[in-house]
Structure formats: structure tokens, C-alpha cells
Amino acid sequence: MDRRNIVLTGFMGTGKTSVGDALARLLGRKLIDMDTWIAAREGQTVAEIFAERGEAGFRELERALILELAASENLVIATGGGALVNPENRAAFTNAQVICLDASVEEILARVNGVNDRPLLRGDKETRIQELLEARRDAYNAIEIHVNTNQRTPQEIAQEIVNRLETREILVKTPESAYSIFLGRGLLDHVGEFLREHKFASRGAVVTNPIVGALYAQRVCDSLRAENFFPTLIEIPDGEQYKNLDTVRELYDQFIAAKLERRSPILALGGGVLGDTAGFAAATYLRGVPFVQIPTTLLSIVDSSIGGKVAVDHPSGKNLIGAFKFPVCVIADLDVLETLPFEEFRAGMAEVIKHGVIGDAGLFIELGKQGNRETSSELLERALRVKIEIVERDPFEENIRAHLNLGHTFGQAIEKLADYKMRHGYAVAMGVCVAARLAANLNFCDAKTRDEIISLFEKFELPTHIPREFSAEQILDAMGTDKKIQHGKLRLILPREIGRVEIVNDVAREEIVRALEESYRIYDL
């Protein structure tokens, strides 16, 4: 549990005390309102201290209290409006979590208009508010986290603060630079803030599909406009059958119509199919424009949005036309999982389980303890880190990145035969189980490992057998155009044990057929 102090600062009237009280109640912490503490210790109101000792005298008392509080922990601290204008005071709270509360001049004026105990607001209140805000602008801007309090209850603001503080930033290194994955709740309302520092062109595009767009596009576009971006909303049809060059051509037409330029960001708001399609368009439009992933399915959060591979399908195979395009950032709002149909959640869990098999035995074990309709943000982060560790070591899939393809060679062949009408996660689950049976047959892993893998997929109600309508010969033929073929040889990824897989070449055809034959059972697509 993070016991660092939470410090609320910002201009007078932004709600520091009321929000601090709501936040302290929410977290079970003690609230320290600095102005109240100083007044109680000195036996004078803040206005009386100002009148008797001047602002300088009050700031000395404030500084002493800040140094005292900086040595404590697990508090919610509400500062006075000018307390952290002094950079030395901000530095004293280096180890604290500092949030600046913001409000419009109109909102602040409405809140303080009937109050006469503000010594810095003598004279025309609106003029003084504007003057003080301008004087303190740089100091407030030096604080990383800002929360707007206009026309919101303290409870709503407190919950947003909790969400913001619980947001994890995970850095992914690339050959040329690095990008961040932001994992948390309530993030869709702050997309513009995440992009603020990147100095993009003001014009950009949000690419989504009608289903996701109806749920989330307005929030994303509003957050972009709040940061002076002018997004064009573009919708493409939903479904793997539209993940092709025809859709990409339509995107090019709309990018051109929107007059997007080299620094115009393309934001992909949707699942893996949407992210792949929009990402390929971003990689090739004007020889590459900035690309942001906003995944809205569990599968895309833990898998397809990470690693920089974007592609579209060809009639001969899945993802045959693609590029490496690393995103500027990935913004993964876990709140989207609450509207996710259970079938889509289940499909995403196939990748989470797969990551446990590949590189985290502890994750695999913990998943076995979860309910089959839930998983925690901590376990999702662990699944993310399995893939991150691999793609950092092998960004262009020249070696161990192939480990991430566990089950994909079989699964993508089944997807192709099903005319891509099967959920990708379901195909991955089938493919991993085929790989586990094959590995056990070859004595590459023991039977216990095979059974544990199959049992965990079954626990999450994922298919562990393949449809009878696709023969082993058809599946083998479909595997013939797989991207994992090198020098004419098919590479398979097989589990050695839970948490460890290896690349295997030249598996005898009859052994592959045997594993496929063992994997049949009537399964309704």
C-alpha cells in the first residue's frame, strides 16, 4: 500500500479543503488543512496573522509546517493557495503525491464572492483573482497532476484523484526511444493531457468503429479539444473482414480530407482489429505519422496494443501486410472492461493465460485462484510485463519475440478456415492447447504441464478443442502461409514448462497431425 502523503494545492476556492475531506474519508486517512492548523496553533485567524505579521510572517509559519508534514506519511494535506508557489516548498514534498486543483475564474469568484476573510482579495475580487492566477501560473504548471473542479462534487473529484494516483505508467524501450503505457481508470477523459507534451499538430484523427464510438468517442474528442486539439472523428466498420487494404485506402482518403500533416496524431480507439488497421494506415500515410493506441478490449490491452506490430489481412493469410510502428503511447482505461461483453472478456483472458505460460509461472498460478469472470489490474500488469520484456529484447521479431506466437500458428490457421468469424482469443486458446498436446507427445514437456494448461483455459470457459469441420490437412495447408515460416521451415513455439517456452523447428508432420487429431471435439463456431 502506498503510504505517501497526498497533497492538494491550487488557487483559493478550488475546493482543496472539501475535496481533501472527501478524499481522506475515501482512503481512511487523516486530513491536515494547513491554514486551519496554523490558525489553531497561533490562536489567530489567517486574516489576523496577515494583518499583524504580514504575508511574509504567514509564509514563515507555512514553511515550518510544510517541513514538519514532509516527514510524515499517510496523510491528506490541503495547502493554502500560495503554499507551493515557493519552489523550496514544492521540493519539500518531493516524496509526496501532489495534485493541483483547478477551476475557472468564474467558478472561483462564485465560491469566494460572499467571503470577506481572504486577505489577498482586498479590492475588486475578480481583478485580484486574475492577477494572482497569472502570478502563480508557472508554479501551478510545475505540478504534474491537475484536476478540474468546475461544477463537480467533492466526492466526484476525490474519486478522480484516486483513479489518477492509481494509474500506472509503464515504460517500453524501443530501438530509438521509448513509449509509455498508461494503465488505470478514468483515463479516457484525460487523453488530451497525455498528448500535451508531445508538441503534435493541432489537427488529428480519432479512428474508431460505430460500436466503440457510440460509447467513448465523445469523451476522447472532448478531452482533446480541452487541450486545443481539433480531432476529426473517423469510423470504420467493425470486424476482422474489414481489416484489409480497402479499409486502409478509405482511411487515407479521410486523412487527406482532414488535411492531416506529418505531426498530426492518429488515435486508434477500439480493439485489436481497429488498432492494427489504423496503425498500419498511420505507419504508411505521409511515410508515417504519430500513432496513439487507446485499446478498448481486454485482448488489445494486454496484447495487440503493445509492441509496435500493425498489419492488415490478405486473402492468403492473416496479418501478411504490415509494418513495425511503435506508438507514441498506449492509454489503457480499465473502465472500458465494465461494458465489455463476457465473450470478449473471455477472449482477452486467452492472451493473459498465454503470457503466463510463456514467461510468468506466478501469474499462471494466480489466475487459477481468480474467478472466471474477473481479474485484477495487478495481474493484467504482470501479463503486460511478460510481453514488454520480450519485445524490448527483440523489437523486430528476429529471435525470442517469436515466443509470443505460442498457439498462433495453429490458431491463425483455424481463424483463416473459419473466414475470420471466430474470436481471435478463442483461436489462440485452441492453438495453445494443440501446442501443449504436441509438446507432451514429443516429451518436450510432461503430461502434467499439458493438463494444467488445458485446465486453466477450461476454467475461463475457453475452447480447448478445434472444430471437427476443419481437417488436419486443411489446417496444415492454412499454416503454409504463416508468417513464422523462415527459410521454408515452420517454426513452432512449444511449452517446456509453465513460464517457459522454446522455439522448435522441423517437427515431423505426423506428430503435428497426431496433436491436431487429439484436439477435435464438436465445437459450435
Protein backbone atom coordinates (compact mmCIF):
# COMPACT_ATOMS: atom_id res chain seq x y z
CA MET A 1 0.00 0.00 0.00
CA ASP A 2 1.31 3.44 -0.96
CA ARG A 3 1.57 5.48 2.24
CA ARG A 4 2.98 8.63 0.68
CA ASN A 5 1.19 11.82 1.65
CA ILE A 6 -1.32 13.20 -0.83
CA VAL A 7 -1.01 16.98 -1.11
CA LEU A 8 -3.81 19.08 -2.61
CA THR A 9 -2.86 22.53 -3.72
CA GLY A 10 -4.23 25.13 -6.12
CA PHE A 11 -5.81 28.56 -6.04
CA MET A 12 -8.23 29.62 -3.32
CA GLY A 13 -11.77 28.48 -3.94
CA THR A 14 -10.79 25.42 -5.99
CA GLY A 15 -12.06 23.11 -3.25
CA LYS A 16 -8.91 21.92 -1.50
CA THR A 17 -10.49 21.52 1.94
CA SER A 18 -13.81 19.98 0.86
CA VAL A 19 -12.12 17.66 -1.63
CA GLY A 20 -9.44 16.83 0.94
CA ASP A 21 -12.12 15.82 3.42
CA ALA A 22 -13.86 13.59 0.85
CA LEU A 23 -10.54 12.08 -0.19
CA ALA A 24 -9.45 11.40 3.39
CA ARG A 25 -12.76 9.63 4.07
CA LEU A 26 -12.46 7.60 0.88
CA LEU A 27 -8.93 6.45 1.74
CA GLY A 28 -9.30 6.22 5.51
CA ARG A 29 -6.63 8.85 6.10
CA LYS A 30 -6.32 11.90 8.33
CA LEU A 31 -6.85 15.33 6.75
CA ILE A 32 -4.49 18.16 7.59
CA ASP A 33 -5.82 21.52 6.45
CA MET A 34 -2.74 23.72 6.72
CA ASP A 35 -4.49 27.06 7.16
CA THR A 36 -6.69 25.57 9.92
CA TRP A 37 -3.66 24.07 11.69
CA ILE A 38 -1.68 27.29 11.53
CA ALA A 39 -4.63 29.28 12.87
CA ALA A 40 -5.18 26.81 15.72
CA ARG A 41 -1.51 26.80 16.72
CA GLU A 42 -1.19 30.57 16.63
CA GLY A 43 -4.57 31.27 18.23
CA GLN A 44 -5.36 33.70 15.40
CA THR A 45 -7.24 33.54 12.15
CA VAL A 46 -5.23 33.63 8.93
CA ALA A 47 -6.57 37.13 8.30
CA GLU A 48 -5.36 38.26 11.74
CA ILE A 49 -1.89 36.76 11.13
CA PHE A 50 -1.68 38.62 7.81
CA ALA A 51 -2.79 41.86 9.46
CA GLU A 52 -0.31 41.55 12.34
CA ARG A 53 2.75 39.92 10.70
CA GLY A 54 2.16 40.48 7.00
CA GLU A 55 2.27 37.87 4.26
CA ALA A 56 5.97 37.19 4.91
CA GLY A 57 5.22 36.25 8.51
CA PHE A 58 2.46 33.89 7.46
CA ARG A 59 4.71 32.26 4.84
CA GLU A 60 7.32 31.51 7.54
CA LEU A 61 4.71 29.65 9.58
CA GLU A 62 3.58 27.86 6.44
CA ARG A 63 7.14 26.84 5.57
CA ALA A 64 7.74 25.40 9.04
CA LEU A 65 4.55 23.31 8.87
CA ILE A 66 5.43 22.03 5.40
CA LEU A 67 8.82 20.78 6.66
CA GLU A 68 7.07 19.09 9.58
CA LEU A 69 4.44 17.42 7.39
CA ALA A 70 7.01 16.33 4.80
CA ALA A 71 8.49 13.98 7.41
CA SER A 72 5.13 12.23 7.95
CA GLU A 73 3.15 9.77 5.85
CA ASN A 74 -0.37 8.53 5.04
CA LEU A 75 -1.94 11.98 5.30
CA VAL A 76 -4.14 14.04 3.02
CA ILE A 77 -2.79 17.60 3.18
CA ALA A 78 -4.74 20.62 1.92
CA THR A 79 -2.39 23.56 1.45
CA GLY A 80 -3.16 27.24 1.22
CA GLY A 81 -3.36 28.65 -2.29
CA GLY A 82 0.11 30.17 -2.17
CA ALA A 83 1.89 27.49 -0.14
CA LEU A 84 3.62 25.79 -3.06
CA VAL A 85 4.38 28.87 -5.09
CA ASN A 86 7.78 28.80 -3.37
CA PRO A 87 9.88 26.17 -5.24
CA GLU A 88 11.58 25.19 -1.98
CA ASN A 89 8.20 24.26 -0.53
CA ARG A 90 7.38 22.19 -3.62
CA ALA A 91 10.75 20.48 -3.27
CA ALA A 92 9.95 19.58 0.36
CA PHE A 93 7.03 17.49 -0.92
CA THR A 94 9.15 15.62 -3.48
CA ASN A 95 8.21 12.29 -1.93
CA ALA A 96 4.51 13.15 -1.72
CA GLN A 97 1.83 12.82 -4.39
CA VAL A 98 0.94 16.40 -5.28
CA ILE A 99 -2.27 17.34 -7.10
CA CYS A 100 -3.21 20.82 -8.24
CA LEU A 101 -6.93 21.59 -8.22
CA ASP A 102 -8.10 23.95 -10.98
CA ALA A 103 -11.25 25.98 -11.53
CA SER A 104 -12.28 28.78 -13.85
CA VAL A 105 -12.16 32.41 -12.73
CA GLU A 106 -15.97 32.48 -12.82
CA GLU A 107 -16.22 29.39 -10.63
CA ILE A 108 -13.65 30.71 -8.13
CA LEU A 109 -15.41 34.09 -7.96
CA ALA A 110 -18.76 32.42 -7.30
CA ARG A 111 -17.26 30.38 -4.47
CA VAL A 112 -15.47 33.24 -2.70
CA ASN A 113 -17.81 36.11 -3.54
CA GLY A 114 -19.57 36.16 -0.18
CA VAL A 115 -16.38 35.57 1.83
CA ASN A 116 -14.60 38.51 3.47
CA ASP A 117 -11.74 36.75 5.29
CA ARG A 118 -9.39 36.43 2.30
CA PRO A 119 -6.60 38.93 2.95
CA LEU A 120 -5.24 38.68 -0.60
CA LEU A 121 -8.60 39.54 -2.18
CA ARG A 122 -9.00 43.09 -0.94
CA GLY A 123 -10.47 45.38 -3.56
CA ASP A 124 -12.13 44.12 -6.72
CA LYS A 125 -12.20 40.34 -6.25
CA GLU A 126 -12.30 39.36 -9.92
CA THR A 127 -9.34 41.59 -10.76
CA ARG A 128 -7.31 40.24 -7.83
CA ILE A 129 -8.15 36.62 -8.75
CA GLN A 130 -6.94 37.17 -12.29
CA GLU A 131 -3.77 38.94 -11.10
CA LEU A 132 -2.90 36.23 -8.58
CA LEU A 133 -3.63 33.41 -11.00
CA GLU A 134 -1.30 34.97 -13.55
CA ALA A 135 1.41 35.48 -10.95
CA ARG A 136 1.16 31.85 -9.81
CA ARG A 137 0.63 30.24 -13.23
CA ASP A 138 4.18 28.91 -13.61
CA ALA A 139 4.20 27.49 -10.09
CA TYR A 140 0.91 25.66 -10.62
CA ASN A 141 2.02 24.42 -14.05
CA ALA A 142 5.10 22.88 -12.44
CA ILE A 143 2.79 20.35 -10.75
CA GLU A 144 2.27 17.30 -12.94
CA ILE A 145 -1.26 16.22 -11.98
CA HIS A 146 -4.13 18.68 -12.39
CA VAL A 147 -7.80 18.02 -11.67
CA ASN A 148 -10.58 20.37 -12.76
CA THR A 149 -13.20 21.01 -10.07
CA ASN A 150 -15.73 23.09 -12.03
CA GLN A 151 -19.33 22.13 -11.21
CA ARG A 152 -18.36 18.82 -9.63
CA THR A 153 -18.98 17.42 -6.17
CA PRO A 154 -16.08 16.82 -3.76
CA GLN A 155 -16.87 13.10 -3.90
CA GLU A 156 -16.58 13.02 -7.71
CA ILE A 157 -13.30 14.90 -7.59
CA ALA A 158 -11.92 12.67 -4.83
CA GLN A 159 -12.71 9.55 -6.88
CA GLU A 160 -10.93 11.01 -9.91
CA ILE A 161 -7.88 11.73 -7.77
CA VAL A 162 -7.82 8.13 -6.57
CA ASN A 163 -8.04 6.96 -10.19
CA ARG A 164 -5.24 9.28 -11.28
CA LEU A 165 -2.95 8.24 -8.43
CA GLU A 166 -3.56 4.56 -9.13
CA THR A 167 -2.69 4.98 -12.81
CA ARG A 168 0.48 3.09 -13.62
CA GLU A 169 2.95 4.38 -16.20
CA ILE A 170 4.94 1.51 -17.68
CA LEU A 171 7.86 2.44 -19.91
CA VAL A 172 8.58 0.35 -23.01
CA LYS A 173 12.01 0.80 -24.58
CA THR A 174 12.33 0.78 -28.38
CA PRO A 175 15.46 0.76 -30.57
CA GLU A 176 15.26 4.53 -31.00
CA SER A 177 13.42 5.79 -27.93
CA ALA A 178 10.69 4.65 -25.55
CA TYR A 179 6.96 5.00 -25.07
CA SER A 180 4.62 4.80 -22.09
CA ILE A 181 1.70 2.55 -21.36
CA PHE A 182 -0.77 4.27 -19.03
CA LEU A 183 -2.85 1.69 -17.17
CA GLY A 184 -5.65 2.85 -14.89
CA ARG A 185 -9.23 4.03 -14.58
CA GLY A 186 -10.96 7.17 -15.82
CA LEU A 187 -8.22 7.81 -18.40
CA LEU A 188 -10.44 8.50 -21.42
CA ASP A 189 -11.27 11.92 -20.01
CA HIS A 190 -7.57 12.81 -19.93
CA VAL A 191 -6.32 11.66 -23.33
CA GLY A 192 -5.53 15.25 -24.33
CA GLU A 193 -3.38 15.71 -21.24
CA PHE A 194 -1.33 12.61 -22.06
CA LEU A 195 -0.60 14.09 -25.50
CA ARG A 196 0.08 17.63 -24.33
CA GLU A 197 3.86 17.28 -24.04
CA HIS A 198 4.40 15.78 -27.48
CA LYS A 199 4.06 19.00 -29.49
CA PHE A 200 1.78 17.49 -32.11
CA ALA A 201 -0.02 19.43 -34.82
CA SER A 202 -3.42 20.66 -33.67
CA ARG A 203 -5.25 18.63 -36.31
CA GLY A 204 -5.52 14.90 -35.72
CA ALA A 205 -7.88 11.98 -36.15
CA VAL A 206 -9.66 9.58 -33.82
CA VAL A 207 -10.31 6.33 -35.67
CA THR A 208 -12.95 4.08 -34.15
CA ASN A 209 -15.90 1.86 -35.11
CA PRO A 210 -19.62 2.60 -34.64
CA ILE A 211 -19.98 0.44 -31.51
CA VAL A 212 -16.98 1.80 -29.62
CA GLY A 213 -17.51 5.28 -30.99
CA ALA A 214 -21.01 5.49 -29.53
CA LEU A 215 -19.62 4.61 -26.09
CA TYR A 216 -16.39 6.58 -25.86
CA ALA A 217 -15.60 8.83 -28.83
CA GLN A 218 -17.24 11.95 -27.40
CA ARG A 219 -15.20 11.76 -24.19
CA VAL A 220 -11.95 11.29 -26.07
CA CYS A 221 -12.68 14.12 -28.50
CA ASP A 222 -13.75 16.46 -25.68
CA SER A 223 -10.51 15.77 -23.80
CA LEU A 224 -8.52 16.54 -26.95
CA ARG A 225 -10.38 19.79 -27.56
CA ALA A 226 -9.71 20.84 -23.97
CA GLU A 227 -6.00 20.74 -24.86
CA ASN A 228 -6.50 22.72 -28.10
CA PHE A 229 -6.52 19.76 -30.47
CA PHE A 230 -9.02 19.64 -33.32
CA PRO A 231 -9.79 15.95 -33.88
CA THR A 232 -11.60 14.53 -36.89
CA LEU A 233 -13.70 11.54 -35.88
CA ILE A 234 -13.46 8.69 -38.40
CA GLU A 235 -15.49 5.49 -38.17
CA ILE A 236 -14.64 2.28 -39.97
CA PRO A 237 -16.75 -0.91 -39.96
CA ASP A 238 -16.28 -3.36 -37.11
CA GLY A 239 -14.97 -6.86 -37.81
CA GLU A 240 -11.95 -8.80 -38.99
CA GLN A 241 -13.41 -8.94 -42.52
CA TYR A 242 -12.77 -5.19 -42.81
CA LYS A 243 -9.14 -5.42 -41.73
CA ASN A 244 -7.81 -5.03 -45.26
CA LEU A 245 -6.26 -2.63 -47.74
CA ASP A 246 -9.67 -1.37 -48.90
CA THR A 247 -10.35 0.00 -45.41
CA VAL A 248 -6.85 1.47 -45.25
CA ARG A 249 -7.48 3.24 -48.57
CA GLU A 250 -10.66 4.75 -47.13
CA LEU A 251 -8.67 5.98 -44.13
CA TYR A 252 -6.13 7.63 -46.43
CA ASP A 253 -8.97 9.47 -48.19
CA GLN A 254 -10.31 10.78 -44.89
CA PHE A 255 -6.84 11.75 -43.60
CA ILE A 256 -6.31 13.78 -46.76
CA ALA A 257 -9.75 15.38 -46.49
CA ALA A 258 -8.98 16.37 -42.89
CA LYS A 259 -5.68 17.93 -44.07
CA LEU A 260 -3.60 15.89 -41.67
CA GLU A 261 0.14 16.57 -41.75
CA ARG A 262 3.32 14.84 -40.61
CA ARG A 263 2.85 15.79 -36.93
CA SER A 264 -0.88 15.03 -36.85
CA PRO A 265 -1.63 12.25 -34.36
CA ILE A 266 -3.77 9.26 -35.33
CA LEU A 267 -5.58 7.79 -32.31
CA ALA A 268 -6.91 4.24 -32.55
CA LEU A 269 -9.93 3.88 -30.25
CA GLY A 270 -11.02 0.26 -30.29
CA GLY A 271 -9.90 -3.34 -30.14
CA GLY A 272 -7.11 -5.20 -31.86
CA VAL A 273 -8.60 -5.17 -35.37
CA LEU A 274 -9.15 -1.42 -35.19
CA GLY A 275 -5.69 -0.79 -33.74
CA ASP A 276 -3.98 -2.90 -36.38
CA THR A 277 -5.83 -1.23 -39.25
CA ALA A 278 -5.46 2.36 -38.04
CA GLY A 279 -1.87 1.66 -37.04
CA PHE A 280 -0.95 0.38 -40.50
CA ALA A 281 -2.57 3.47 -42.03
CA ALA A 282 -0.61 5.72 -39.63
CA ALA A 283 2.63 3.88 -40.45
CA THR A 284 2.23 4.47 -44.17
CA TYR A 285 0.39 7.81 -44.51
CA LEU A 286 2.95 10.52 -45.36
CA ARG A 287 5.61 7.86 -44.64
CA GLY A 288 4.48 7.71 -41.04
CA VAL A 289 2.59 9.97 -38.63
CA PRO A 290 2.32 9.78 -34.81
CA PHE A 291 0.16 6.93 -33.59
CA VAL A 292 -1.63 6.50 -30.24
CA GLN A 293 -3.28 3.28 -29.08
CA ILE A 294 -6.44 3.52 -26.93
CA PRO A 295 -7.41 -0.15 -26.57
CA THR A 296 -10.98 -0.93 -25.54
CA THR A 297 -10.90 -4.73 -25.21
CA LEU A 298 -9.02 -6.91 -22.76
CA LEU A 299 -7.24 -8.66 -25.62
CA SER A 300 -5.99 -5.39 -27.12
CA ILE A 301 -4.95 -4.03 -23.71
CA VAL A 302 -2.72 -6.98 -22.86
CA ASP A 303 -1.53 -7.88 -26.34
CA SER A 304 -2.14 -6.15 -29.66
CA SER A 305 -1.64 -2.55 -28.48
CA ILE A 306 1.88 -3.37 -27.25
CA GLY A 307 4.98 -4.00 -29.28
CA GLY A 308 4.51 -1.91 -32.40
CA LYS A 309 3.29 -4.54 -34.87
CA VAL A 310 0.47 -3.29 -37.13
CA ALA A 311 -0.98 -5.13 -40.11
CA VAL A 312 -3.95 -5.96 -42.28
CA ASP A 313 -5.07 -9.30 -43.68
CA HIS A 314 -4.73 -10.73 -47.17
CA PRO A 315 -6.94 -13.47 -48.64
CA SER A 316 -3.93 -15.78 -48.34
CA GLY A 317 -3.41 -15.18 -44.63
CA LYS A 318 -3.80 -13.08 -41.51
CA ASN A 319 -1.56 -10.04 -40.95
CA LEU A 320 0.50 -10.68 -44.08
CA ILE A 321 0.71 -6.97 -44.97
CA GLY A 322 2.13 -4.94 -42.12
CA ALA A 323 4.83 -2.82 -40.57
CA PHE A 324 6.52 -2.08 -37.28
CA LYS A 325 5.06 1.15 -35.93
CA PHE A 326 5.73 1.94 -32.28
CA PRO A 327 3.01 4.07 -30.68
CA VAL A 328 3.67 7.40 -29.04
CA CYS A 329 1.83 5.99 -26.04
CA VAL A 330 -0.82 3.47 -25.07
CA ILE A 331 -3.73 4.73 -22.95
CA ALA A 332 -5.47 1.72 -21.38
CA ASP A 333 -8.56 2.71 -19.39
CA LEU A 334 -9.69 -0.32 -17.41
CA ASP A 335 -13.17 1.16 -17.02
CA VAL A 336 -13.88 0.03 -20.59
CA LEU A 337 -13.86 -3.58 -19.37
CA GLU A 338 -17.11 -2.90 -17.49
CA THR A 339 -19.01 -2.57 -20.79
CA LEU A 340 -17.19 -5.48 -22.42
CA PRO A 341 -19.41 -8.49 -23.24
CA PHE A 342 -18.32 -11.58 -21.35
CA GLU A 343 -17.40 -13.32 -24.61
CA GLU A 344 -14.90 -10.55 -25.35
CA PHE A 345 -13.54 -10.62 -21.80
CA ARG A 346 -13.09 -14.37 -22.10
CA ALA A 347 -11.29 -13.97 -25.43
CA GLY A 348 -8.90 -11.50 -23.83
CA MET A 349 -8.18 -13.87 -20.98
CA ALA A 350 -6.75 -16.31 -23.53
CA GLU A 351 -3.84 -13.91 -24.07
CA VAL A 352 -3.41 -13.32 -20.33
CA ILE A 353 -3.18 -17.08 -19.74
CA LYS A 354 -0.83 -17.42 -22.72
CA HIS A 355 1.52 -14.83 -21.23
CA GLY A 356 1.62 -16.81 -18.00
CA VAL A 357 2.59 -19.94 -19.93
CA ILE A 358 5.26 -18.02 -21.84
CA GLY A 359 7.03 -16.17 -19.07
CA ASP A 360 5.37 -15.90 -15.66
CA ALA A 361 4.55 -19.08 -13.75
CA GLY A 362 3.39 -16.99 -10.78
CA LEU A 363 0.84 -15.21 -12.98
CA PHE A 364 -0.39 -18.59 -14.22
CA ILE A 365 -0.85 -19.82 -10.65
CA GLU A 366 -2.65 -16.64 -9.54
CA LEU A 367 -5.04 -16.87 -12.48
CA GLY A 368 -6.03 -20.27 -11.22
CA LYS A 369 -7.18 -18.64 -7.97
CA GLN A 370 -9.32 -15.98 -9.72
CA GLY A 371 -12.97 -16.20 -10.53
CA ASN A 372 -13.52 -16.98 -14.20
CA ARG A 373 -15.20 -13.61 -14.81
CA GLU A 374 -12.66 -11.37 -13.13
CA THR A 375 -9.03 -10.45 -12.96
CA SER A 376 -7.17 -7.72 -11.13
CA SER A 377 -5.25 -4.78 -12.54
CA GLU A 378 -2.14 -6.20 -10.87
CA LEU A 379 -2.41 -9.45 -12.85
CA LEU A 380 -3.08 -7.53 -16.06
CA GLU A 381 0.08 -5.53 -15.45
CA ARG A 382 2.01 -8.76 -14.94
CA ALA A 383 0.68 -10.04 -18.26
CA LEU A 384 1.72 -6.78 -19.91
CA ARG A 385 5.22 -7.04 -18.49
CA VAL A 386 5.73 -10.52 -19.96
CA LYS A 387 5.23 -9.10 -23.44
CA ILE A 388 7.13 -5.90 -22.72
CA GLU A 389 10.22 -7.78 -21.52
CA ILE A 390 10.24 -9.84 -24.71
CA VAL A 391 9.61 -7.03 -27.21
CA GLU A 392 12.29 -4.87 -25.60
CA ARG A 393 14.81 -7.65 -26.13
CA ASP A 394 13.63 -8.44 -29.66
CA PRO A 395 11.67 -5.48 -31.12
CA PHE A 396 11.62 -6.74 -34.73
CA GLU A 397 10.83 -10.41 -34.11
CA GLU A 398 14.21 -11.79 -35.07
CA ASN A 399 14.52 -14.23 -32.17
CA ILE A 400 12.71 -14.66 -28.84
CA ARG A 401 9.79 -12.41 -29.77
CA ALA A 402 8.55 -15.46 -31.61
CA HIS A 403 7.74 -16.84 -28.12
CA LEU A 404 4.69 -14.57 -28.13
CA ASN A 405 3.34 -16.64 -31.02
CA LEU A 406 2.62 -19.60 -28.76
CA GLY A 407 -0.55 -21.11 -30.21
CA HIS A 408 -0.78 -18.53 -33.00
CA THR A 409 0.42 -20.76 -35.84
CA PHE A 410 -2.38 -23.24 -35.19
CA GLY A 411 -4.88 -20.59 -34.08
CA GLN A 412 -4.45 -18.30 -37.07
CA ALA A 413 -4.83 -21.23 -39.45
CA ILE A 414 -8.13 -22.06 -37.75
CA GLU A 415 -9.19 -18.40 -37.97
CA LYS A 416 -8.47 -18.39 -41.69
CA LEU A 417 -10.51 -21.55 -42.25
CA ALA A 418 -13.36 -20.01 -40.23
CA ASP A 419 -13.25 -16.99 -42.56
CA TYR A 420 -12.21 -14.87 -39.55
CA LYS A 421 -15.64 -15.24 -37.96
CA MET A 422 -14.09 -16.71 -34.82
CA ARG A 423 -12.83 -14.50 -31.98
CA HIS A 424 -9.04 -14.29 -32.07
CA GLY A 425 -8.74 -15.17 -28.38
CA TYR A 426 -10.75 -18.35 -28.89
CA ALA A 427 -8.44 -19.38 -31.72
CA VAL A 428 -5.41 -18.63 -29.56
CA ALA A 429 -6.80 -20.83 -26.78
CA MET A 430 -7.30 -23.70 -29.23
CA GLY A 431 -3.84 -23.18 -30.67
CA VAL A 432 -2.08 -23.15 -27.29
CA CYS A 433 -3.84 -26.36 -26.32
CA VAL A 434 -2.75 -28.01 -29.59
CA ALA A 435 0.81 -26.86 -28.86
CA ALA A 436 0.60 -28.28 -25.32
CA ARG A 437 -0.60 -31.67 -26.62
CA LEU A 438 2.16 -31.68 -29.25
CA ALA A 439 4.82 -30.79 -26.67
CA ALA A 440 3.69 -33.59 -24.36
CA ASN A 441 3.64 -36.10 -27.23
CA LEU A 442 7.23 -35.14 -28.08
CA ASN A 443 8.24 -35.38 -24.38
CA PHE A 444 9.15 -31.71 -24.70
CA CYS A 445 7.02 -31.09 -21.61
CA ASP A 446 5.42 -33.52 -19.19
CA ALA A 447 1.78 -34.51 -19.20
CA LYS A 448 1.15 -32.52 -16.01
CA THR A 449 2.17 -29.29 -17.75
CA ARG A 450 -0.11 -30.10 -20.68
CA ASP A 451 -3.05 -30.80 -18.39
CA GLU A 452 -2.50 -27.66 -16.30
CA ILE A 453 -2.52 -25.51 -19.42
CA ILE A 454 -5.69 -27.06 -20.80
CA SER A 455 -7.42 -26.92 -17.40
CA LEU A 456 -6.80 -23.19 -16.95
CA PHE A 457 -8.27 -22.41 -20.36
CA GLU A 458 -11.28 -24.55 -19.45
CA LYS A 459 -11.64 -22.69 -16.13
CA PHE A 460 -12.14 -19.46 -18.08
CA GLU A 461 -14.65 -21.21 -20.37
CA LEU A 462 -12.34 -21.01 -23.39
CA PRO A 463 -12.37 -23.63 -26.16
CA THR A 464 -9.64 -26.23 -25.80
CA HIS A 465 -10.58 -28.33 -28.85
CA ILE A 466 -10.78 -27.40 -32.52
CA PRO A 467 -13.85 -27.61 -34.81
CA ARG A 468 -14.30 -31.01 -36.42
CA GLU A 469 -15.25 -29.37 -39.74
CA PHE A 470 -11.60 -28.40 -40.35
CA SER A 471 -9.46 -31.42 -41.16
CA ALA A 472 -5.85 -31.73 -40.05
CA GLU A 473 -4.80 -31.47 -43.70
CA GLN A 474 -6.76 -28.23 -44.15
CA ILE A 475 -5.16 -26.76 -41.03
CA LEU A 476 -1.68 -27.78 -42.20
CA ASP A 477 -2.32 -26.19 -45.60
CA ALA A 478 -3.54 -22.99 -43.95
CA MET A 479 -0.39 -22.95 -41.82
CA GLY A 480 1.66 -22.92 -45.04
CA THR A 481 1.32 -19.14 -45.44
CA ASP A 482 2.10 -18.39 -41.80
CA LYS A 483 4.49 -15.51 -41.14
CA LYS A 484 6.50 -17.67 -38.75
CA ILE A 485 7.93 -19.66 -41.66
CA GLN A 486 11.66 -18.98 -42.09
CA HIS A 487 13.80 -20.42 -44.89
CA GLY A 488 10.85 -22.59 -45.86
CA LYS A 489 10.65 -24.18 -42.42
CA LEU A 490 7.78 -23.81 -39.98
CA ARG A 491 8.80 -22.65 -36.52
CA LEU A 492 6.60 -23.79 -33.67
CA ILE A 493 6.59 -22.42 -30.14
CA LEU A 494 6.09 -25.16 -27.57
CA PRO A 495 5.82 -25.06 -23.76
CA ARG A 496 8.73 -26.62 -21.89
CA GLU A 497 7.11 -25.92 -18.52
CA ILE A 498 4.76 -23.32 -17.08
CA GLY A 499 6.53 -19.99 -17.55
CA ARG A 500 8.97 -21.22 -20.19
CA VAL A 501 8.60 -21.86 -23.92
CA GLU A 502 11.09 -22.57 -26.70
CA ILE A 503 11.30 -22.42 -30.49
CA VAL A 504 11.19 -25.81 -32.19
CA ASN A 505 11.98 -26.42 -35.86
CA ASP A 506 11.24 -29.35 -38.16
CA VAL A 507 8.60 -31.14 -36.13
CA ALA A 508 7.57 -34.25 -38.03
CA ARG A 509 4.36 -33.77 -39.98
CA GLU A 510 2.82 -36.91 -38.50
CA GLU A 511 3.35 -35.54 -34.96
CA ILE A 512 1.53 -32.33 -35.85
CA VAL A 513 -1.31 -34.36 -37.38
CA ARG A 514 -1.45 -36.51 -34.23
CA ALA A 515 -1.76 -33.43 -31.96
CA LEU A 516 -4.47 -31.99 -34.21
CA GLU A 517 -6.38 -35.26 -34.24
CA GLU A 518 -6.26 -35.33 -30.42
CA SER A 519 -7.73 -31.83 -30.36
CA TYR A 520 -11.03 -32.50 -32.12
CA ARG A 521 -14.36 -32.19 -30.46
CA ILE A 522 -17.66 -30.81 -31.67
CA TYR A 523 -17.45 -27.07 -31.16
CA ASP A 524 -20.02 -24.54 -32.29
CA LEU A 525 -18.44 -21.53 -34.01
